[in-house]
């Protein structure tokens, strides 16, 4: 665990030094998004995450300090479910990540890498979904491909979450990580000047 935290801190420091720019005008970007999400959850009696599928909607604020480096925070409401031969299962929660944002634009297309801490506030869940805490926090990392058409942005993103407290109160090494994949459409406005990113 200590090695994971040190790795995130090292990457954060390298990015700030290596991507520093002097000819870039910082800007703030506000956005609202809606998308389809697949995220892993745990069932009672299982130690491997099972993908749930549903919708995700929320707001994002990006402060782009350098051409390739910024700070991104989001507030997302995720509503996920799974139907199989055993029944229908559901979970919904609020997710608040605070992330370092690396951005590499190529005309209307951009590649981004996000990493940093997050918090999850559980709202409701099916009793069969294994989650012993109502609040989770940890570290996540991932990458996204974005295509922009004026103020609209279509994104495909993959993230990986690692809880610092486990979902399991009895064993901190169990049920504490899962992948997430999303496709979303967002509307974004920003305060940047006419200079390009």
C-alpha atoms as a PDB file:
ATOM      1  CA  UNK A   1       0.000   0.000   0.000  1.00  0.00           C
ATOM      2  CA  UNK A   2       2.813   2.411   0.927  1.00  0.00           C
ATOM      3  CA  UNK A   3       4.486   1.731  -2.432  1.00  0.00           C
ATOM      4  CA  UNK A   4       1.244   2.602  -4.279  1.00  0.00           C
ATOM      5  CA  UNK A   5       0.924   5.951  -2.487  1.00  0.00           C
ATOM      6  CA  UNK A   6       4.598   6.778  -3.108  1.00  0.00           C
ATOM      7  CA  UNK A   7       4.192   5.967  -6.813  1.00  0.00           C
ATOM      8  CA  UNK A   8       1.254   8.371  -7.157  1.00  0.00           C
ATOM      9  CA  UNK A   9       3.202  11.125  -5.371  1.00  0.00           C
ATOM     10  CA  UNK A  10       6.260  10.562  -7.551  1.00  0.00           C
ATOM     11  CA  UNK A  11       4.257  10.724 -10.794  1.00  0.00           C
ATOM     12  CA  UNK A  12       2.521  13.874  -9.546  1.00  0.00           C
ATOM     13  CA  UNK A  13       5.875  15.598  -8.867  1.00  0.00           C
ATOM     14  CA  UNK A  14       7.434  14.538 -12.178  1.00  0.00           C
ATOM     15  CA  UNK A  15       4.453  15.782 -14.163  1.00  0.00           C
ATOM     16  CA  UNK A  16       4.493  19.223 -12.532  1.00  0.00           C
ATOM     17  CA  UNK A  17       8.188  19.708 -13.276  1.00  0.00           C
ATOM     18  CA  UNK A  18       8.392  18.054 -16.671  1.00  0.00           C
ATOM     19  CA  UNK A  19       5.282  19.584 -18.239  1.00  0.00           C
ATOM     20  CA  UNK A  20       5.759  23.145 -17.044  1.00  0.00           C
ATOM     21  CA  UNK A  21       4.973  25.730 -19.736  1.00  0.00           C
ATOM     22  CA  UNK A  22       5.481  29.509 -19.856  1.00  0.00           C
ATOM     23  CA  UNK A  23       3.403  30.467 -22.923  1.00  0.00           C
ATOM     24  CA  UNK A  24       0.108  28.933 -21.805  1.00  0.00           C
ATOM     25  CA  UNK A  25      -2.839  30.837 -20.324  1.00  0.00           C
ATOM     26  CA  UNK A  26      -4.525  28.830 -17.537  1.00  0.00           C
ATOM     27  CA  UNK A  27      -8.289  28.393 -17.746  1.00  0.00           C
ATOM     28  CA  UNK A  28     -11.209  26.935 -15.815  1.00  0.00           C
ATOM     29  CA  UNK A  29     -13.673  24.538 -17.453  1.00  0.00           C
ATOM     30  CA  UNK A  30     -17.143  23.630 -16.168  1.00  0.00           C
ATOM     31  CA  UNK A  31     -19.097  20.665 -17.479  1.00  0.00           C
ATOM     32  CA  UNK A  32     -22.122  18.432 -17.047  1.00  0.00           C
ATOM     33  CA  UNK A  33     -22.057  14.806 -18.185  1.00  0.00           C
ATOM     34  CA  UNK A  34     -24.275  11.773 -18.695  1.00  0.00           C
ATOM     35  CA  UNK A  35     -23.150   8.307 -19.660  1.00  0.00           C
ATOM     36  CA  UNK A  36     -23.270   4.532 -19.454  1.00  0.00           C
ATOM     37  CA  UNK A  37     -21.079   2.899 -16.831  1.00  0.00           C
ATOM     38  CA  UNK A  38     -19.805  -0.583 -16.008  1.00  0.00           C
ATOM     39  CA  UNK A  39     -18.283  -0.909 -12.535  1.00  0.00           C
ATOM     40  CA  UNK A  40     -17.277  -3.860 -10.387  1.00  0.00           C
ATOM     41  CA  UNK A  41     -19.161  -4.743  -7.189  1.00  0.00           C
ATOM     42  CA  UNK A  42     -18.910  -7.619  -4.759  1.00  0.00           C
ATOM     43  CA  UNK A  43     -21.544 -10.183  -3.787  1.00  0.00           C
ATOM     44  CA  UNK A  44     -21.809 -11.736  -0.356  1.00  0.00           C
ATOM     45  CA  UNK A  45     -19.624 -14.834  -0.265  1.00  0.00           C
ATOM     46  CA  UNK A  46     -17.507 -13.775  -3.274  1.00  0.00           C
ATOM     47  CA  UNK A  47     -14.069 -12.160  -3.343  1.00  0.00           C
ATOM     48  CA  UNK A  48     -13.984 -11.274  -7.057  1.00  0.00           C
ATOM     49  CA  UNK A  49     -15.741  -8.167  -8.364  1.00  0.00           C
ATOM     50  CA  UNK A  50     -18.740  -8.650 -10.677  1.00  0.00           C
ATOM     51  CA  UNK A  51     -19.479  -5.926 -13.274  1.00  0.00           C
ATOM     52  CA  UNK A  52     -22.710  -3.978 -12.767  1.00  0.00           C
ATOM     53  CA  UNK A  53     -24.049  -1.768 -15.586  1.00  0.00           C
ATOM     54  CA  UNK A  54     -26.037   1.438 -15.325  1.00  0.00           C
ATOM     55  CA  UNK A  55     -26.016   5.185 -15.746  1.00  0.00           C
ATOM     56  CA  UNK A  56     -23.774   7.927 -14.444  1.00  0.00           C
ATOM     57  CA  UNK A  57     -24.456  11.657 -14.377  1.00  0.00           C
ATOM     58  CA  UNK A  58     -22.708  14.553 -12.740  1.00  0.00           C
ATOM     59  CA  UNK A  59     -20.676  17.729 -12.882  1.00  0.00           C
ATOM     60  CA  UNK A  60     -16.972  18.384 -13.386  1.00  0.00           C
ATOM     61  CA  UNK A  61     -14.637  21.327 -12.780  1.00  0.00           C
ATOM     62  CA  UNK A  62     -11.237  21.407 -14.473  1.00  0.00           C
ATOM     63  CA  UNK A  63      -8.510  23.934 -13.771  1.00  0.00           C
ATOM     64  CA  UNK A  64      -5.932  23.635 -16.552  1.00  0.00           C
ATOM     65  CA  UNK A  65      -2.774  25.123 -15.045  1.00  0.00           C
ATOM     66  CA  UNK A  66      -0.400  24.116 -17.865  1.00  0.00           C
ATOM     67  CA  UNK A  67      -0.888  22.980 -21.440  1.00  0.00           C
ATOM     68  CA  UNK A  68      -0.754  19.345 -20.408  1.00  0.00           C
ATOM     69  CA  UNK A  69      -1.450  19.478 -16.674  1.00  0.00           C
ATOM     70  CA  UNK A  70      -4.511  20.409 -14.631  1.00  0.00           C
ATOM     71  CA  UNK A  71      -6.633  19.549 -11.608  1.00  0.00           C
ATOM     72  CA  UNK A  72      -9.999  17.836 -12.153  1.00  0.00           C
ATOM     73  CA  UNK A  73     -12.774  17.291  -9.627  1.00  0.00           C
ATOM     74  CA  UNK A  74     -16.137  15.636 -10.229  1.00  0.00           C
ATOM     75  CA  UNK A  75     -19.407  14.949  -8.457  1.00  0.00           C
ATOM     76  CA  UNK A  76     -21.102  11.885  -9.987  1.00  0.00           C
ATOM     77  CA  UNK A  77     -24.302  10.030  -9.200  1.00  0.00           C
ATOM     78  CA  UNK A  78     -24.028   6.386 -10.299  1.00  0.00           C
ATOM     79  CA  UNK A  79     -26.987   3.997 -10.453  1.00  0.00           C
ATOM     80  CA  UNK A  80     -25.981   0.431 -11.305  1.00  0.00           C
ATOM     81  CA  UNK A  81     -27.738  -2.914 -11.521  1.00  0.00           C
ATOM     82  CA  UNK A  82     -27.252  -6.535 -12.493  1.00  0.00           C
ATOM     83  CA  UNK A  83     -29.813  -9.124 -13.590  1.00  0.00           C
ATOM     84  CA  UNK A  84     -29.027 -12.830 -13.702  1.00  0.00           C
ATOM     85  CA  UNK A  85     -30.582 -16.198 -12.867  1.00  0.00           C
ATOM     86  CA  UNK A  86     -30.418 -15.356  -9.150  1.00  0.00           C
ATOM     87  CA  UNK A  87     -32.459 -12.146  -9.432  1.00  0.00           C
ATOM     88  CA  UNK A  88     -32.080  -8.398  -9.846  1.00  0.00           C
ATOM     89  CA  UNK A  89     -29.482  -6.464  -7.844  1.00  0.00           C
ATOM     90  CA  UNK A  90     -28.903  -2.717  -7.591  1.00  0.00           C
ATOM     91  CA  UNK A  91     -26.652  -0.143  -5.964  1.00  0.00           C
ATOM     92  CA  UNK A  92     -26.448   3.643  -6.196  1.00  0.00           C
ATOM     93  CA  UNK A  93     -23.927   6.054  -4.737  1.00  0.00           C
ATOM     94  CA  UNK A  94     -22.319   9.476  -5.045  1.00  0.00           C
ATOM     95  CA  UNK A  95     -18.713   9.544  -6.171  1.00  0.00           C
ATOM     96  CA  UNK A  96     -16.352  12.514  -5.672  1.00  0.00           C
ATOM     97  CA  UNK A  97     -12.840  12.173  -7.191  1.00  0.00           C
ATOM     98  CA  UNK A  98     -10.128  14.865  -6.943  1.00  0.00           C
ATOM     99  CA  UNK A  99      -7.626  14.143  -9.695  1.00  0.00           C
ATOM    100  CA  UNK A 100      -4.451  15.225 -11.386  1.00  0.00           C
ATOM    101  CA  UNK A 101      -5.261  15.577 -15.086  1.00  0.00           C
ATOM    102  CA  UNK A 102      -2.757  15.041 -17.903  1.00  0.00           C
ATOM    103  CA  UNK A 103      -4.083  16.124 -21.274  1.00  0.00           C
ATOM    104  CA  UNK A 104      -2.591  15.559 -24.733  1.00  0.00           C
ATOM    105  CA  UNK A 105      -4.736  17.236 -27.434  1.00  0.00           C
ATOM    106  CA  UNK A 106      -4.553  16.385 -31.144  1.00  0.00           C
ATOM    107  CA  UNK A 107      -6.983  18.752 -32.903  1.00  0.00           C
ATOM    108  CA  UNK A 108     -10.513  17.646 -31.841  1.00  0.00           C
ATOM    109  CA  UNK A 109      -9.180  14.486 -30.235  1.00  0.00           C
ATOM    110  CA  UNK A 110      -7.453  14.374 -26.865  1.00  0.00           C
ATOM    111  CA  UNK A 111      -5.933  11.684 -24.679  1.00  0.00           C
ATOM    112  CA  UNK A 112      -6.007  12.195 -20.926  1.00  0.00           C
ATOM    113  CA  UNK A 113      -4.654  10.415 -17.875  1.00  0.00           C
ATOM    114  CA  UNK A 114      -6.282  10.990 -14.480  1.00  0.00           C
ATOM    115  CA  UNK A 115      -5.093   9.864 -11.061  1.00  0.00           C
ATOM    116  CA  UNK A 116      -5.691  10.849  -7.448  1.00  0.00           C
ATOM    117  CA  UNK A 117      -7.934  10.318  -4.407  1.00  0.00           C
ATOM    118  CA  UNK A 118     -11.703   9.761  -4.356  1.00  0.00           C
ATOM    119  CA  UNK A 119     -14.593   9.396  -1.941  1.00  0.00           C
ATOM    120  CA  UNK A 120     -17.757   7.302  -2.357  1.00  0.00           C
ATOM    121  CA  UNK A 121     -20.965   7.894  -0.395  1.00  0.00           C
ATOM    122  CA  UNK A 122     -23.295   4.895  -0.478  1.00  0.00           C
ATOM    123  CA  UNK A 123     -27.008   5.737  -0.874  1.00  0.00           C
ATOM    124  CA  UNK A 124     -28.790   2.392  -1.307  1.00  0.00           C
ATOM    125  CA  UNK A 125     -27.837  -1.190  -2.132  1.00  0.00           C
ATOM    126  CA  UNK A 126     -29.313  -4.644  -2.421  1.00  0.00           C
ATOM    127  CA  UNK A 127     -28.596  -6.826   0.659  1.00  0.00           C
ATOM    128  CA  UNK A 128     -26.768  -9.304  -1.573  1.00  0.00           C
ATOM    129  CA  UNK A 129     -24.186  -6.666  -2.546  1.00  0.00           C
ATOM    130  CA  UNK A 130     -21.269  -6.902  -0.135  1.00  0.00           C
ATOM    131  CA  UNK A 131     -20.441  -3.428   1.198  1.00  0.00           C
ATOM    132  CA  UNK A 132     -19.935  -3.010   4.924  1.00  0.00           C
ATOM    133  CA  UNK A 133     -19.081   0.699   4.830  1.00  0.00           C
ATOM    134  CA  UNK A 134     -21.307   3.633   3.864  1.00  0.00           C
ATOM    135  CA  UNK A 135     -18.261   5.771   3.011  1.00  0.00           C
ATOM    136  CA  UNK A 136     -15.249   4.612   1.030  1.00  0.00           C
ATOM    137  CA  UNK A 137     -12.102   6.443   0.004  1.00  0.00           C
ATOM    138  CA  UNK A 138      -8.937   5.544  -1.817  1.00  0.00           C
ATOM    139  CA  UNK A 139      -6.849   6.112  -4.948  1.00  0.00           C
ATOM    140  CA  UNK A 140      -7.784   5.700  -8.586  1.00  0.00           C
ATOM    141  CA  UNK A 141      -6.025   5.962 -11.911  1.00  0.00           C
ATOM    142  CA  UNK A 142      -7.165   5.739 -15.509  1.00  0.00           C
ATOM    143  CA  UNK A 143      -7.123   7.113 -19.023  1.00  0.00           C
ATOM    144  CA  UNK A 144      -9.674   8.538 -21.439  1.00  0.00           C
ATOM    145  CA  UNK A 145     -10.100   9.233 -25.140  1.00  0.00           C
ATOM    146  CA  UNK A 146     -12.139  12.383 -25.825  1.00  0.00           C
ATOM    147  CA  UNK A 147     -13.586  13.785 -29.046  1.00  0.00           C
ATOM    148  CA  UNK A 148     -14.934  17.334 -28.963  1.00  0.00           C
ATOM    149  CA  UNK A 149     -17.456  19.061 -31.236  1.00  0.00           C
ATOM    150  CA  UNK A 150     -17.603  22.667 -30.042  1.00  0.00           C
ATOM    151  CA  UNK A 151     -18.930  22.476 -26.458  1.00  0.00           C
ATOM    152  CA  UNK A 152     -19.884  18.788 -26.641  1.00  0.00           C
ATOM    153  CA  UNK A 153     -17.379  16.047 -25.775  1.00  0.00           C
ATOM    154  CA  UNK A 154     -17.771  12.295 -26.274  1.00  0.00           C
ATOM    155  CA  UNK A 155     -15.518  10.305 -23.931  1.00  0.00           C
ATOM    156  CA  UNK A 156     -14.539   6.663 -23.498  1.00  0.00           C
ATOM    157  CA  UNK A 157     -12.771   6.144 -20.191  1.00  0.00           C
ATOM    158  CA  UNK A 158     -11.300   3.341 -18.117  1.00  0.00           C
ATOM    159  CA  UNK A 159     -10.510   3.716 -14.400  1.00  0.00           C
ATOM    160  CA  UNK A 160      -9.174   1.428 -11.707  1.00  0.00           C
ATOM    161  CA  UNK A 161     -10.099   1.973  -8.046  1.00  0.00           C
ATOM    162  CA  UNK A 162      -8.198   0.898  -4.962  1.00  0.00           C
ATOM    163  CA  UNK A 163      -9.879   1.453  -1.585  1.00  0.00           C
ATOM    164  CA  UNK A 164      -7.632   2.358   1.319  1.00  0.00           C
ATOM    165  CA  UNK A 165     -10.191   0.920   3.755  1.00  0.00           C
ATOM    166  CA  UNK A 166     -11.499  -2.396   2.439  1.00  0.00           C
ATOM    167  CA  UNK A 167     -15.189  -3.023   1.790  1.00  0.00           C
ATOM    168  CA  UNK A 168     -14.682  -5.820   4.306  1.00  0.00           C
ATOM    169  CA  UNK A 169     -14.440  -4.785   7.979  1.00  0.00           C
ATOM    170  CA  UNK A 170     -12.795  -8.096   8.935  1.00  0.00           C
ATOM    171  CA  UNK A 171     -10.059  -8.250   6.294  1.00  0.00           C
ATOM    172  CA  UNK A 172      -8.460  -5.083   4.868  1.00  0.00           C
ATOM    173  CA  UNK A 173      -6.939  -7.000   1.942  1.00  0.00           C
ATOM    174  CA  UNK A 174     -10.259  -8.274   0.531  1.00  0.00           C
ATOM    175  CA  UNK A 175     -12.851  -6.634  -1.732  1.00  0.00           C
ATOM    176  CA  UNK A 176     -10.906  -3.401  -2.050  1.00  0.00           C
ATOM    177  CA  UNK A 177     -10.324  -2.915  -5.792  1.00  0.00           C
ATOM    178  CA  UNK A 178     -12.349  -2.910  -9.002  1.00  0.00           C
ATOM    179  CA  UNK A 179     -12.286  -1.644 -12.627  1.00  0.00           C
ATOM    180  CA  UNK A 180     -14.690   0.843 -14.184  1.00  0.00           C
ATOM    181  CA  UNK A 181     -15.436   1.568 -17.864  1.00  0.00           C
ATOM    182  CA  UNK A 182     -17.668   4.389 -19.124  1.00  0.00           C
ATOM    183  CA  UNK A 183     -18.885   6.080 -22.302  1.00  0.00           C
ATOM    184  CA  UNK A 184     -20.291   9.549 -21.785  1.00  0.00           C
ATOM    185  CA  UNK A 185     -21.441  12.757 -23.439  1.00  0.00           C
ATOM    186  CA  UNK A 186     -20.647  16.034 -21.715  1.00  0.00           C
ATOM    187  CA  UNK A 187     -21.299  19.713 -22.300  1.00  0.00           C
ATOM    188  CA  UNK A 188     -18.366  21.943 -21.336  1.00  0.00           C
ATOM    189  CA  UNK A 189     -17.702  25.675 -21.182  1.00  0.00           C
ATOM    190  CA  UNK A 190     -14.424  27.301 -20.245  1.00  0.00           C
ATOM    191  CA  UNK A 191     -12.777  30.652 -19.600  1.00  0.00           C
ATOM    192  CA  UNK A 192      -9.747  30.188 -21.829  1.00  0.00           C
ATOM    193  CA  UNK A 193      -8.713  32.781 -24.390  1.00  0.00           C
ATOM    194  CA  UNK A 194      -8.624  32.211 -28.136  1.00  0.00           C
ATOM    195  CA  UNK A 195      -5.179  30.644 -27.862  1.00  0.00           C
ATOM    196  CA  UNK A 196      -5.204  26.900 -28.438  1.00  0.00           C
ATOM    197  CA  UNK A 197      -4.594  24.334 -25.727  1.00  0.00           C
END
